[in-house]
């Protein structure tokens, strides 16, 4: 096992989209972990949902998190937040013209992420 430099966006694999970049950091028998990088990305037009809890930890910048049926919240560096299973959500860097946002997401292996 070796360490991964999150702030340098090292990853086992990486996926880029107009909505940000996602790097897989850990794929174990119980947990999976990713970093998510958002920098002047497009805002996703729809919400997503996980069938299991999704733990988020902000490493850089600020994340505006929208949870269906609730007022948006802004998570800052060092903030940890758990999105409850089955709760539709979307997130974007904040403020939109501010610095990039990077956060870590951790979920149980086999958790299903669905855009709705």
PDB file of N, CA and C in Angstrom:
ATOM      1  N   UNK A   1       0.846  -1.170   0.000  1.00  0.00           N
ATOM      2  CA  UNK A   1       0.000   0.000   0.000  1.00  0.00           C
ATOM      3  C   UNK A   1       0.896   1.239   0.000  1.00  0.00           C
ATOM      4  N   UNK A   2       0.557   2.209  -0.806  1.00  0.00           N
ATOM      5  CA  UNK A   2       1.326   3.450  -0.852  1.00  0.00           C
ATOM      6  C   UNK A   2       0.378   4.632  -0.678  1.00  0.00           C
ATOM      7  N   UNK A   3       0.947   5.780  -0.341  1.00  0.00           N
ATOM      8  CA  UNK A   3       0.120   6.963  -0.125  1.00  0.00           C
ATOM      9  C   UNK A   3      -0.192   7.640  -1.455  1.00  0.00           C
ATOM     10  N   UNK A   4      -1.257   8.411  -1.450  1.00  0.00           N
ATOM     11  CA  UNK A   4      -1.682   9.182  -2.616  1.00  0.00           C
ATOM     12  C   UNK A   4      -1.737  10.640  -2.191  1.00  0.00           C
ATOM     13  N   UNK A   5      -1.143  11.516  -3.004  1.00  0.00           N
ATOM     14  CA  UNK A   5      -1.162  12.949  -2.717  1.00  0.00           C
ATOM     15  C   UNK A   5      -2.461  13.535  -3.268  1.00  0.00           C
ATOM     16  N   UNK A   6      -3.410  13.769  -2.361  1.00  0.00           N
ATOM     17  CA  UNK A   6      -4.730  14.262  -2.748  1.00  0.00           C
ATOM     18  C   UNK A   6      -4.627  15.642  -3.385  1.00  0.00           C
ATOM     19  N   UNK A   7      -3.839  16.545  -2.776  1.00  0.00           N
ATOM     20  CA  UNK A   7      -3.761  17.920  -3.282  1.00  0.00           C
ATOM     21  C   UNK A   7      -3.088  17.994  -4.651  1.00  0.00           C
ATOM     22  N   UNK A   8      -2.275  16.989  -4.980  1.00  0.00           N
ATOM     23  CA  UNK A   8      -1.668  16.926  -6.321  1.00  0.00           C
ATOM     24  C   UNK A   8      -2.582  16.174  -7.289  1.00  0.00           C
ATOM     25  N   UNK A   9      -3.736  15.737  -6.799  1.00  0.00           N
ATOM     26  CA  UNK A   9      -4.739  15.015  -7.582  1.00  0.00           C
ATOM     27  C   UNK A   9      -4.189  13.707  -8.177  1.00  0.00           C
ATOM     28  N   UNK A  10      -3.372  13.018  -7.369  1.00  0.00           N
ATOM     29  CA  UNK A  10      -2.943  11.690  -7.775  1.00  0.00           C
ATOM     30  C   UNK A  10      -4.125  10.742  -7.601  1.00  0.00           C
ATOM     31  N   UNK A  11      -4.186   9.707  -8.425  1.00  0.00           N
ATOM     32  CA  UNK A  11      -5.303   8.767  -8.346  1.00  0.00           C
ATOM     33  C   UNK A  11      -4.933   7.450  -9.008  1.00  0.00           C
ATOM     34  N   UNK A  12      -5.661   6.421  -8.639  1.00  0.00           N
ATOM     35  CA  UNK A  12      -5.516   5.128  -9.297  1.00  0.00           C
ATOM     36  C   UNK A  12      -6.103   5.191 -10.697  1.00  0.00           C
ATOM     37  N   UNK A  13      -7.190   5.957 -10.834  1.00  0.00           N
ATOM     38  CA  UNK A  13      -7.804   6.219 -12.138  1.00  0.00           C
ATOM     39  C   UNK A  13      -8.512   7.565 -12.032  1.00  0.00           C
ATOM     40  N   UNK A  14      -8.776   8.172 -13.179  1.00  0.00           N
ATOM     41  CA  UNK A  14      -9.359   9.513 -13.196  1.00  0.00           C
ATOM     42  C   UNK A  14     -10.385   9.613 -14.317  1.00  0.00           C
ATOM     43  N   UNK A  15     -11.488  10.331 -14.036  1.00  0.00           N
ATOM     44  CA  UNK A  15     -12.525  10.599 -15.021  1.00  0.00           C
ATOM     45  C   UNK A  15     -12.774  12.099 -15.045  1.00  0.00           C
ATOM     46  N   UNK A  16     -12.763  12.686 -16.240  1.00  0.00           N
ATOM     47  CA  UNK A  16     -13.027  14.115 -16.408  1.00  0.00           C
ATOM     48  C   UNK A  16     -14.345  14.305 -17.150  1.00  0.00           C
ATOM     49  N   UNK A  17     -15.103  15.322 -16.728  1.00  0.00           N
ATOM     50  CA  UNK A  17     -16.352  15.658 -17.408  1.00  0.00           C
ATOM     51  C   UNK A  17     -16.538  17.166 -17.318  1.00  0.00           C
ATOM     52  N   UNK A  18     -17.534  17.712 -18.005  1.00  0.00           N
ATOM     53  CA  UNK A  18     -17.796  19.150 -17.885  1.00  0.00           C
ATOM     54  C   UNK A  18     -18.186  19.555 -16.459  1.00  0.00           C
ATOM     55  N   UNK A  19     -18.546  18.582 -15.609  1.00  0.00           N
ATOM     56  CA  UNK A  19     -19.009  18.865 -14.254  1.00  0.00           C
ATOM     57  C   UNK A  19     -17.897  18.749 -13.214  1.00  0.00           C
ATOM     58  N   UNK A  20     -16.686  18.397 -13.643  1.00  0.00           N
ATOM     59  CA  UNK A  20     -15.546  18.273 -12.747  1.00  0.00           C
ATOM     60  C   UNK A  20     -14.761  17.009 -13.033  1.00  0.00           C
ATOM     61  N   UNK A  21     -13.745  16.775 -12.219  1.00  0.00           N
ATOM     62  CA  UNK A  21     -12.904  15.588 -12.353  1.00  0.00           C
ATOM     63  C   UNK A  21     -13.034  14.743 -11.096  1.00  0.00           C
ATOM     64  N   UNK A  22     -12.941  13.427 -11.282  1.00  0.00           N
ATOM     65  CA  UNK A  22     -13.050  12.486 -10.169  1.00  0.00           C
ATOM     66  C   UNK A  22     -11.873  11.528 -10.243  1.00  0.00           C
ATOM     67  N   UNK A  23     -11.149  11.418  -9.129  1.00  0.00           N
ATOM     68  CA  UNK A  23     -10.027  10.493  -9.059  1.00  0.00           C
ATOM     69  C   UNK A  23     -10.282   9.422  -8.017  1.00  0.00           C
ATOM     70  N   UNK A  24     -10.189   8.170  -8.421  1.00  0.00           N
ATOM     71  CA  UNK A  24     -10.344   7.056  -7.487  1.00  0.00           C
ATOM     72  C   UNK A  24      -9.064   6.930  -6.672  1.00  0.00           C
ATOM     73  N   UNK A  25      -9.175   7.027  -5.349  1.00  0.00           N
ATOM     74  CA  UNK A  25      -8.004   6.930  -4.471  1.00  0.00           C
ATOM     75  C   UNK A  25      -7.899   5.578  -3.782  1.00  0.00           C
ATOM     76  N   UNK A  26      -9.046   4.953  -3.534  1.00  0.00           N
ATOM     77  CA  UNK A  26      -9.036   3.689  -2.801  1.00  0.00           C
ATOM     78  C   UNK A  26     -10.226   2.846  -3.236  1.00  0.00           C
ATOM     79  N   UNK A  27      -9.956   1.590  -3.501  1.00  0.00           N
ATOM     80  CA  UNK A  27     -11.016   0.634  -3.827  1.00  0.00           C
ATOM     81  C   UNK A  27     -10.747  -0.616  -3.000  1.00  0.00           C
ATOM     82  N   UNK A  28     -11.228  -0.620  -1.770  1.00  0.00           N
ATOM     83  CA  UNK A  28     -10.972  -1.725  -0.859  1.00  0.00           C
ATOM     84  C   UNK A  28     -12.132  -2.698  -0.778  1.00  0.00           C
ATOM     85  N   UNK A  29     -12.062  -3.577   0.185  1.00  0.00           N
ATOM     86  CA  UNK A  29     -13.117  -4.578   0.340  1.00  0.00           C
ATOM     87  C   UNK A  29     -14.355  -4.002   1.017  1.00  0.00           C
ATOM     88  N   UNK A  30     -14.200  -2.889   1.759  1.00  0.00           N
ATOM     89  CA  UNK A  30     -15.331  -2.294   2.469  1.00  0.00           C
ATOM     90  C   UNK A  30     -15.645  -0.868   2.043  1.00  0.00           C
ATOM     91  N   UNK A  31     -14.619  -0.096   1.662  1.00  0.00           N
ATOM     92  CA  UNK A  31     -14.791   1.322   1.340  1.00  0.00           C
ATOM     93  C   UNK A  31     -14.164   1.686   0.011  1.00  0.00           C
ATOM     94  N   UNK A  32     -14.754   2.697  -0.617  1.00  0.00           N
ATOM     95  CA  UNK A  32     -14.155   3.329  -1.791  1.00  0.00           C
ATOM     96  C   UNK A  32     -14.021   4.815  -1.483  1.00  0.00           C
ATOM     97  N   UNK A  33     -12.968   5.436  -2.016  1.00  0.00           N
ATOM     98  CA  UNK A  33     -12.738   6.857  -1.766  1.00  0.00           C
ATOM     99  C   UNK A  33     -12.272   7.531  -3.047  1.00  0.00           C
ATOM    100  N   UNK A  34     -12.784   8.743  -3.263  1.00  0.00           N
ATOM    101  CA  UNK A  34     -12.458   9.520  -4.446  1.00  0.00           C
ATOM    102  C   UNK A  34     -12.150  10.947  -4.035  1.00  0.00           C
ATOM    103  N   UNK A  35     -11.320  11.648  -4.813  1.00  0.00           N
ATOM    104  CA  UNK A  35     -11.285  13.101  -4.714  1.00  0.00           C
ATOM    105  C   UNK A  35     -12.117  13.634  -5.863  1.00  0.00           C
ATOM    106  N   UNK A  36     -12.742  14.771  -5.644  1.00  0.00           N
ATOM    107  CA  UNK A  36     -13.532  15.434  -6.684  1.00  0.00           C
ATOM    108  C   UNK A  36     -12.999  16.849  -6.803  1.00  0.00           C
ATOM    109  N   UNK A  37     -12.705  17.266  -8.019  1.00  0.00           N
ATOM    110  CA  UNK A  37     -12.132  18.574  -8.322  1.00  0.00           C
ATOM    111  C   UNK A  37     -13.139  19.358  -9.154  1.00  0.00           C
ATOM    112  N   UNK A  38     -13.487  20.551  -8.691  1.00  0.00           N
ATOM    113  CA  UNK A  38     -14.427  21.407  -9.412  1.00  0.00           C
ATOM    114  C   UNK A  38     -13.788  22.787  -9.572  1.00  0.00           C
ATOM    115  N   UNK A  39     -13.655  23.224 -10.825  1.00  0.00           N
ATOM    116  CA  UNK A  39     -13.010  24.497 -11.137  1.00  0.00           C
ATOM    117  C   UNK A  39     -13.723  25.112 -12.333  1.00  0.00           C
ATOM    118  N   UNK A  40     -14.636  26.041 -12.052  1.00  0.00           N
ATOM    119  CA  UNK A  40     -15.429  26.702 -13.089  1.00  0.00           C
ATOM    120  C   UNK A  40     -16.152  25.680 -13.969  1.00  0.00           C
ATOM    121  N   UNK A  41     -16.523  24.592 -13.336  1.00  0.00           N
ATOM    122  CA  UNK A  41     -17.240  23.515 -14.017  1.00  0.00           C
ATOM    123  C   UNK A  41     -18.671  23.925 -14.320  1.00  0.00           C
ATOM    124  N   UNK A  42     -19.283  23.219 -15.230  1.00  0.00           N
ATOM    125  CA  UNK A  42     -20.716  23.414 -15.463  1.00  0.00           C
ATOM    126  C   UNK A  42     -21.464  22.851 -14.258  1.00  0.00           C
ATOM    127  N   UNK A  43     -22.595  23.456 -13.940  1.00  0.00           N
ATOM    128  CA  UNK A  43     -23.431  22.916 -12.870  1.00  0.00           C
ATOM    129  C   UNK A  43     -24.279  21.794 -13.454  1.00  0.00           C
ATOM    130  N   UNK A  44     -24.264  20.671 -12.780  1.00  0.00           N
ATOM    131  CA  UNK A  44     -25.025  19.530 -13.276  1.00  0.00           C
ATOM    132  C   UNK A  44     -26.502  19.899 -13.367  1.00  0.00           C
ATOM    133  N   UNK A  45     -27.142  19.574 -14.493  1.00  0.00           N
ATOM    134  CA  UNK A  45     -28.538  19.962 -14.676  1.00  0.00           C
ATOM    135  C   UNK A  45     -29.515  19.172 -13.803  1.00  0.00           C
ATOM    136  N   UNK A  46     -29.100  17.989 -13.360  1.00  0.00           N
ATOM    137  CA  UNK A  46     -29.992  17.169 -12.550  1.00  0.00           C
ATOM    138  C   UNK A  46     -29.302  16.786 -11.241  1.00  0.00           C
ATOM    139  N   UNK A  47     -30.083  16.268 -10.328  1.00  0.00           N
ATOM    140  CA  UNK A  47     -29.556  15.785  -9.065  1.00  0.00           C
ATOM    141  C   UNK A  47     -29.058  14.349  -9.239  1.00  0.00           C
ATOM    142  N   UNK A  48     -28.278  13.909  -8.266  1.00  0.00           N
ATOM    143  CA  UNK A  48     -27.823  12.521  -8.196  1.00  0.00           C
ATOM    144  C   UNK A  48     -28.245  11.961  -6.848  1.00  0.00           C
ATOM    145  N   UNK A  49     -28.190  10.661  -6.725  1.00  0.00           N
ATOM    146  CA  UNK A  49     -28.554  10.025  -5.457  1.00  0.00           C
ATOM    147  C   UNK A  49     -27.651   8.809  -5.252  1.00  0.00           C
ATOM    148  N   UNK A  50     -27.313   8.567  -3.988  1.00  0.00           N
ATOM    149  CA  UNK A  50     -26.560   7.366  -3.603  1.00  0.00           C
ATOM    150  C   UNK A  50     -27.495   6.503  -2.761  1.00  0.00           C
ATOM    151  N   UNK A  51     -27.387   5.205  -2.916  1.00  0.00           N
ATOM    152  CA  UNK A  51     -28.241   4.320  -2.132  1.00  0.00           C
ATOM    153  C   UNK A  51     -27.660   4.029  -0.745  1.00  0.00           C
ATOM    154  N   UNK A  52     -26.469   4.554  -0.473  1.00  0.00           N
ATOM    155  CA  UNK A  52     -25.808   4.430   0.830  1.00  0.00           C
ATOM    156  C   UNK A  52     -25.336   5.814   1.251  1.00  0.00           C
ATOM    157  N   UNK A  53     -24.957   5.992   2.497  1.00  0.00           N
ATOM    158  CA  UNK A  53     -24.424   7.272   2.952  1.00  0.00           C
ATOM    159  C   UNK A  53     -23.174   7.630   2.159  1.00  0.00           C
ATOM    160  N   UNK A  54     -22.974   8.926   1.957  1.00  0.00           N
ATOM    161  CA  UNK A  54     -21.833   9.449   1.204  1.00  0.00           C
ATOM    162  C   UNK A  54     -21.165  10.516   2.066  1.00  0.00           C
ATOM    163  N   UNK A  55     -19.954  10.226   2.552  1.00  0.00           N
ATOM    164  CA  UNK A  55     -19.222  11.146   3.414  1.00  0.00           C
ATOM    165  C   UNK A  55     -18.370  12.073   2.561  1.00  0.00           C
ATOM    166  N   UNK A  56     -18.473  13.386   2.794  1.00  0.00           N
ATOM    167  CA  UNK A  56     -17.696  14.386   2.064  1.00  0.00           C
ATOM    168  C   UNK A  56     -16.801  15.145   3.031  1.00  0.00           C
ATOM    169  N   UNK A  57     -15.569  15.458   2.593  1.00  0.00           N
ATOM    170  CA  UNK A  57     -14.632  16.255   3.378  1.00  0.00           C
ATOM    171  C   UNK A  57     -13.960  17.251   2.434  1.00  0.00           C
ATOM    172  N   UNK A  58     -14.093  18.552   2.720  1.00  0.00           N
ATOM    173  CA  UNK A  58     -13.558  19.593   1.837  1.00  0.00           C
ATOM    174  C   UNK A  58     -12.082  19.831   2.138  1.00  0.00           C
ATOM    175  N   UNK A  59     -11.258  19.717   1.086  1.00  0.00           N
ATOM    176  CA  UNK A  59      -9.809  19.873   1.179  1.00  0.00           C
ATOM    177  C   UNK A  59      -9.370  21.267   0.743  1.00  0.00           C
ATOM    178  N   UNK A  60     -10.050  21.827  -0.259  1.00  0.00           N
ATOM    179  CA  UNK A  60      -9.676  23.128  -0.819  1.00  0.00           C
ATOM    180  C   UNK A  60     -10.931  23.851  -1.294  1.00  0.00           C
ATOM    181  N   UNK A  61     -10.959  25.173  -1.142  1.00  0.00           N
ATOM    182  CA  UNK A  61     -12.064  25.973  -1.646  1.00  0.00           C
ATOM    183  C   UNK A  61     -13.340  25.753  -0.857  1.00  0.00           C
ATOM    184  N   UNK A  62     -14.459  26.004  -1.506  1.00  0.00           N
ATOM    185  CA  UNK A  62     -15.779  25.858  -0.891  1.00  0.00           C
ATOM    186  C   UNK A  62     -16.704  25.096  -1.832  1.00  0.00           C
ATOM    187  N   UNK A  63     -17.572  24.292  -1.261  1.00  0.00           N
ATOM    188  CA  UNK A  63     -18.517  23.475  -2.015  1.00  0.00           C
ATOM    189  C   UNK A  63     -19.931  23.897  -1.657  1.00  0.00           C
ATOM    190  N   UNK A  64     -20.703  24.274  -2.665  1.00  0.00           N
ATOM    191  CA  UNK A  64     -22.124  24.561  -2.452  1.00  0.00           C
ATOM    192  C   UNK A  64     -22.863  23.256  -2.704  1.00  0.00           C
ATOM    193  N   UNK A  65     -23.504  22.762  -1.666  1.00  0.00           N
ATOM    194  CA  UNK A  65     -24.192  21.482  -1.732  1.00  0.00           C
ATOM    195  C   UNK A  65     -25.694  21.726  -1.672  1.00  0.00           C
ATOM    196  N   UNK A  66     -26.383  21.227  -2.671  1.00  0.00           N
ATOM    197  CA  UNK A  66     -27.837  21.316  -2.727  1.00  0.00           C
ATOM    198  C   UNK A  66     -28.410  19.938  -2.442  1.00  0.00           C
ATOM    199  N   UNK A  67     -29.266  19.863  -1.438  1.00  0.00           N
ATOM    200  CA  UNK A  67     -29.976  18.637  -1.099  1.00  0.00           C
ATOM    201  C   UNK A  67     -31.447  18.883  -1.367  1.00  0.00           C
ATOM    202  N   UNK A  68     -32.081  18.008  -2.112  1.00  0.00           N
ATOM    203  CA  UNK A  68     -33.478  18.198  -2.487  1.00  0.00           C
ATOM    204  C   UNK A  68     -34.342  18.445  -1.248  1.00  0.00           C
ATOM    205  N   UNK A  69     -35.145  19.519  -1.326  1.00  0.00           N
ATOM    206  CA  UNK A  69     -36.067  19.833  -0.254  1.00  0.00           C
ATOM    207  C   UNK A  69     -35.460  20.632   0.887  1.00  0.00           C
ATOM    208  N   UNK A  70     -34.178  21.017   0.765  1.00  0.00           N
ATOM    209  CA  UNK A  70     -33.514  21.794   1.812  1.00  0.00           C
ATOM    210  C   UNK A  70     -32.829  23.006   1.193  1.00  0.00           C
ATOM    211  N   UNK A  71     -32.570  24.021   2.010  1.00  0.00           N
ATOM    212  CA  UNK A  71     -31.793  25.166   1.541  1.00  0.00           C
ATOM    213  C   UNK A  71     -30.363  24.716   1.267  1.00  0.00           C
ATOM    214  N   UNK A  72     -29.705  25.282   0.237  1.00  0.00           N
ATOM    215  CA  UNK A  72     -28.305  24.937  -0.034  1.00  0.00           C
ATOM    216  C   UNK A  72     -27.420  25.278   1.173  1.00  0.00           C
ATOM    217  N   UNK A  73     -26.352  24.506   1.319  1.00  0.00           N
ATOM    218  CA  UNK A  73     -25.365  24.786   2.349  1.00  0.00           C
ATOM    219  C   UNK A  73     -24.008  24.949   1.674  1.00  0.00           C
ATOM    220  N   UNK A  74     -23.130  25.711   2.292  1.00  0.00           N
ATOM    221  CA  UNK A  74     -21.774  25.891   1.769  1.00  0.00           C
ATOM    222  C   UNK A  74     -20.807  25.254   2.756  1.00  0.00           C
ATOM    223  N   UNK A  75     -20.035  24.293   2.258  1.00  0.00           N
ATOM    224  CA  UNK A  75     -19.024  23.620   3.059  1.00  0.00           C
ATOM    225  C   UNK A  75     -17.675  24.255   2.755  1.00  0.00           C
ATOM    226  N   UNK A  76     -16.909  24.543   3.802  1.00  0.00           N
ATOM    227  CA  UNK A  76     -15.599  25.187   3.686  1.00  0.00           C
ATOM    228  C   UNK A  76     -14.490  24.175   3.963  1.00  0.00           C
ATOM    229  N   UNK A  77     -13.241  24.590   3.746  1.00  0.00           N
ATOM    230  CA  UNK A  77     -12.086  23.742   4.032  1.00  0.00           C
ATOM    231  C   UNK A  77     -12.204  23.184   5.454  1.00  0.00           C
ATOM    232  N   UNK A  78     -12.026  21.877   5.557  1.00  0.00           N
ATOM    233  CA  UNK A  78     -12.083  21.218   6.854  1.00  0.00           C
ATOM    234  C   UNK A  78     -13.456  20.733   7.251  1.00  0.00           C
ATOM    235  N   UNK A  79     -14.499  21.129   6.513  1.00  0.00           N
ATOM    236  CA  UNK A  79     -15.854  20.675   6.841  1.00  0.00           C
ATOM    237  C   UNK A  79     -16.075  19.243   6.368  1.00  0.00           C
ATOM    238  N   UNK A  80     -16.768  18.486   7.197  1.00  0.00           N
ATOM    239  CA  UNK A  80     -17.174  17.123   6.874  1.00  0.00           C
ATOM    240  C   UNK A  80     -18.695  17.086   6.897  1.00  0.00           C
ATOM    241  N   UNK A  81     -19.288  16.412   5.923  1.00  0.00           N
ATOM    242  CA  UNK A  81     -20.742  16.321   5.836  1.00  0.00           C
ATOM    243  C   UNK A  81     -21.097  14.941   5.302  1.00  0.00           C
ATOM    244  N   UNK A  82     -22.135  14.346   5.853  1.00  0.00           N
ATOM    245  CA  UNK A  82     -22.616  13.050   5.368  1.00  0.00           C
ATOM    246  C   UNK A  82     -23.963  13.254   4.696  1.00  0.00           C
ATOM    247  N   UNK A  83     -24.031  12.889   3.423  1.00  0.00           N
ATOM    248  CA  UNK A  83     -25.300  12.925   2.692  1.00  0.00           C
ATOM    249  C   UNK A  83     -26.035  11.626   3.023  1.00  0.00           C
ATOM    250  N   UNK A  84     -27.232  11.722   3.586  1.00  0.00           N
ATOM    251  CA  UNK A  84     -27.976  10.507   3.921  1.00  0.00           C
ATOM    252  C   UNK A  84     -28.319   9.679   2.672  1.00  0.00           C
ATOM    253  N   UNK A  85     -28.346   8.402   2.823  1.00  0.00           N
ATOM    254  CA  UNK A  85     -28.725   7.500   1.731  1.00  0.00           C
ATOM    255  C   UNK A  85     -30.074   7.908   1.167  1.00  0.00           C
ATOM    256  N   UNK A  86     -30.194   7.876  -0.159  1.00  0.00           N
ATOM    257  CA  UNK A  86     -31.461   8.162  -0.818  1.00  0.00           C
ATOM    258  C   UNK A  86     -31.800   9.636  -0.957  1.00  0.00           C
ATOM    259  N   UNK A  87     -30.895  10.533  -0.563  1.00  0.00           N
ATOM    260  CA  UNK A  87     -31.149  11.974  -0.638  1.00  0.00           C
ATOM    261  C   UNK A  87     -30.596  12.546  -1.944  1.00  0.00           C
ATOM    262  N   UNK A  88     -31.446  13.057  -2.826  1.00  0.00           N
ATOM    263  CA  UNK A  88     -30.958  13.666  -4.064  1.00  0.00           C
ATOM    264  C   UNK A  88     -30.091  14.904  -3.758  1.00  0.00           C
ATOM    265  N   UNK A  89     -28.973  15.033  -4.468  1.00  0.00           N
ATOM    266  CA  UNK A  89     -28.029  16.112  -4.210  1.00  0.00           C
ATOM    267  C   UNK A  89     -27.297  16.517  -5.489  1.00  0.00           C
ATOM    268  N   UNK A  90     -26.662  17.695  -5.427  1.00  0.00           N
ATOM    269  CA  UNK A  90     -25.666  18.107  -6.420  1.00  0.00           C
ATOM    270  C   UNK A  90     -24.778  19.134  -5.749  1.00  0.00           C
ATOM    271  N   UNK A  91     -23.559  19.264  -6.243  1.00  0.00           N
ATOM    272  CA  UNK A  91     -22.610  20.196  -5.647  1.00  0.00           C
ATOM    273  C   UNK A  91     -21.838  20.939  -6.710  1.00  0.00           C
ATOM    274  N   UNK A  92     -21.394  22.147  -6.347  1.00  0.00           N
ATOM    275  CA  UNK A  92     -20.598  22.956  -7.269  1.00  0.00           C
ATOM    276  C   UNK A  92     -19.624  23.809  -6.466  1.00  0.00           C
ATOM    277  N   UNK A  93     -18.534  24.224  -7.132  1.00  0.00           N
ATOM    278  CA  UNK A  93     -17.582  25.113  -6.476  1.00  0.00           C
ATOM    279  C   UNK A  93     -18.288  26.426  -6.154  1.00  0.00           C
ATOM    280  N   UNK A  94     -17.847  27.071  -5.062  1.00  0.00           N
ATOM    281  CA  UNK A  94     -18.527  28.278  -4.606  1.00  0.00           C
ATOM    282  C   UNK A  94     -17.529  29.238  -4.004  1.00  0.00           C
ATOM    283  N   UNK A  95     -17.598  30.515  -4.256  1.00  0.00           N
ATOM    284  CA  UNK A  95     -18.493  31.128  -5.245  1.00  0.00           C
ATOM    285  C   UNK A  95     -18.080  30.710  -6.652  1.00  0.00           C
ATOM    286  N   UNK A  96     -18.967  30.889  -7.580  1.00  0.00           N
ATOM    287  CA  UNK A  96     -18.740  30.402  -8.943  1.00  0.00           C
ATOM    288  C   UNK A  96     -17.497  31.020  -9.577  1.00  0.00           C
ATOM    289  N   UNK A  97     -17.144  32.231  -9.196  1.00  0.00           N
ATOM    290  CA  UNK A  97     -15.955  32.875  -9.766  1.00  0.00           C
ATOM    291  C   UNK A  97     -14.775  32.804  -8.791  1.00  0.00           C
ATOM    292  N   UNK A  98     -14.862  31.933  -7.782  1.00  0.00           N
ATOM    293  CA  UNK A  98     -13.820  31.809  -6.775  1.00  0.00           C
ATOM    294  C   UNK A  98     -12.793  30.751  -7.119  1.00  0.00           C
ATOM    295  N   UNK A  99     -12.035  30.367  -6.110  1.00  0.00           N
ATOM    296  CA  UNK A  99     -10.993  29.368  -6.308  1.00  0.00           C
ATOM    297  C   UNK A  99     -11.606  27.984  -6.534  1.00  0.00           C
ATOM    298  N   UNK A 100     -10.825  27.063  -7.083  1.00  0.00           N
ATOM    299  CA  UNK A 100     -11.321  25.700  -7.283  1.00  0.00           C
ATOM    300  C   UNK A 100     -11.679  25.045  -5.956  1.00  0.00           C
ATOM    301  N   UNK A 101     -12.497  24.026  -6.045  1.00  0.00           N
ATOM    302  CA  UNK A 101     -12.902  23.250  -4.878  1.00  0.00           C
ATOM    303  C   UNK A 101     -12.448  21.805  -5.068  1.00  0.00           C
ATOM    304  N   UNK A 102     -11.876  21.253  -4.017  1.00  0.00           N
ATOM    305  CA  UNK A 102     -11.543  19.831  -4.023  1.00  0.00           C
ATOM    306  C   UNK A 102     -12.082  19.223  -2.739  1.00  0.00           C
ATOM    307  N   UNK A 103     -12.751  18.095  -2.881  1.00  0.00           N
ATOM    308  CA  UNK A 103     -13.246  17.396  -1.701  1.00  0.00           C
ATOM    309  C   UNK A 103     -13.075  15.899  -1.877  1.00  0.00           C
ATOM    310  N   UNK A 104     -13.134  15.214  -0.768  1.00  0.00           N
ATOM    311  CA  UNK A 104     -13.018  13.758  -0.742  1.00  0.00           C
ATOM    312  C   UNK A 104     -14.396  13.184  -0.476  1.00  0.00           C
ATOM    313  N   UNK A 105     -14.725  12.122  -1.177  1.00  0.00           N
ATOM    314  CA  UNK A 105     -15.979  11.397  -0.959  1.00  0.00           C
ATOM    315  C   UNK A 105     -15.632   9.952  -0.609  1.00  0.00           C
ATOM    316  N   UNK A 106     -16.302   9.424   0.398  1.00  0.00           N
ATOM    317  CA  UNK A 106     -16.086   8.044   0.834  1.00  0.00           C
ATOM    318  C   UNK A 106     -17.445   7.375   0.962  1.00  0.00           C
ATOM    319  N   UNK A 107     -17.550   6.166   0.404  1.00  0.00           N
ATOM    320  CA  UNK A 107     -18.803   5.411   0.471  1.00  0.00           C
ATOM    321  C   UNK A 107     -18.485   3.920   0.566  1.00  0.00           C
ATOM    322  N   UNK A 108     -19.431   3.141   1.052  1.00  0.00           N
ATOM    323  CA  UNK A 108     -19.231   1.690   1.114  1.00  0.00           C
ATOM    324  C   UNK A 108     -19.080   1.108  -0.301  1.00  0.00           C
ATOM    325  N   UNK A 109     -18.291   0.066  -0.395  1.00  0.00           N
ATOM    326  CA  UNK A 109     -18.166  -0.659  -1.667  1.00  0.00           C
ATOM    327  C   UNK A 109     -19.547  -1.120  -2.102  1.00  0.00           C
ATOM    328  N   UNK A 110     -19.834  -0.968  -3.370  1.00  0.00           N
ATOM    329  CA  UNK A 110     -21.113  -1.414  -3.915  1.00  0.00           C
ATOM    330  C   UNK A 110     -22.193  -0.353  -3.852  1.00  0.00           C
ATOM    331  N   UNK A 111     -21.897   0.807  -3.263  1.00  0.00           N
ATOM    332  CA  UNK A 111     -22.881   1.882  -3.245  1.00  0.00           C
ATOM    333  C   UNK A 111     -23.182   2.290  -4.687  1.00  0.00           C
ATOM    334  N   UNK A 112     -24.421   2.585  -4.960  1.00  0.00           N
ATOM    335  CA  UNK A 112     -24.842   2.935  -6.311  1.00  0.00           C
ATOM    336  C   UNK A 112     -25.060   4.447  -6.412  1.00  0.00           C
ATOM    337  N   UNK A 113     -24.373   5.077  -7.367  1.00  0.00           N
ATOM    338  CA  UNK A 113     -24.497   6.502  -7.667  1.00  0.00           C
ATOM    339  C   UNK A 113     -25.332   6.613  -8.935  1.00  0.00           C
ATOM    340  N   UNK A 114     -26.449   7.353  -8.857  1.00  0.00           N
ATOM    341  CA  UNK A 114     -27.358   7.455  -9.987  1.00  0.00           C
ATOM    342  C   UNK A 114     -27.705   8.916 -10.241  1.00  0.00           C
ATOM    343  N   UNK A 115     -27.585   9.376 -11.490  1.00  0.00           N
ATOM    344  CA  UNK A 115     -28.088  10.702 -11.855  1.00  0.00           C
ATOM    345  C   UNK A 115     -29.590  10.567 -12.118  1.00  0.00           C
ATOM    346  N   UNK A 116     -30.367  11.457 -11.526  1.00  0.00           N
ATOM    347  CA  UNK A 116     -31.832  11.326 -11.682  1.00  0.00           C
ATOM    348  C   UNK A 116     -32.404  12.502 -12.466  1.00  0.00           C
TER     349      UNK A 116
END
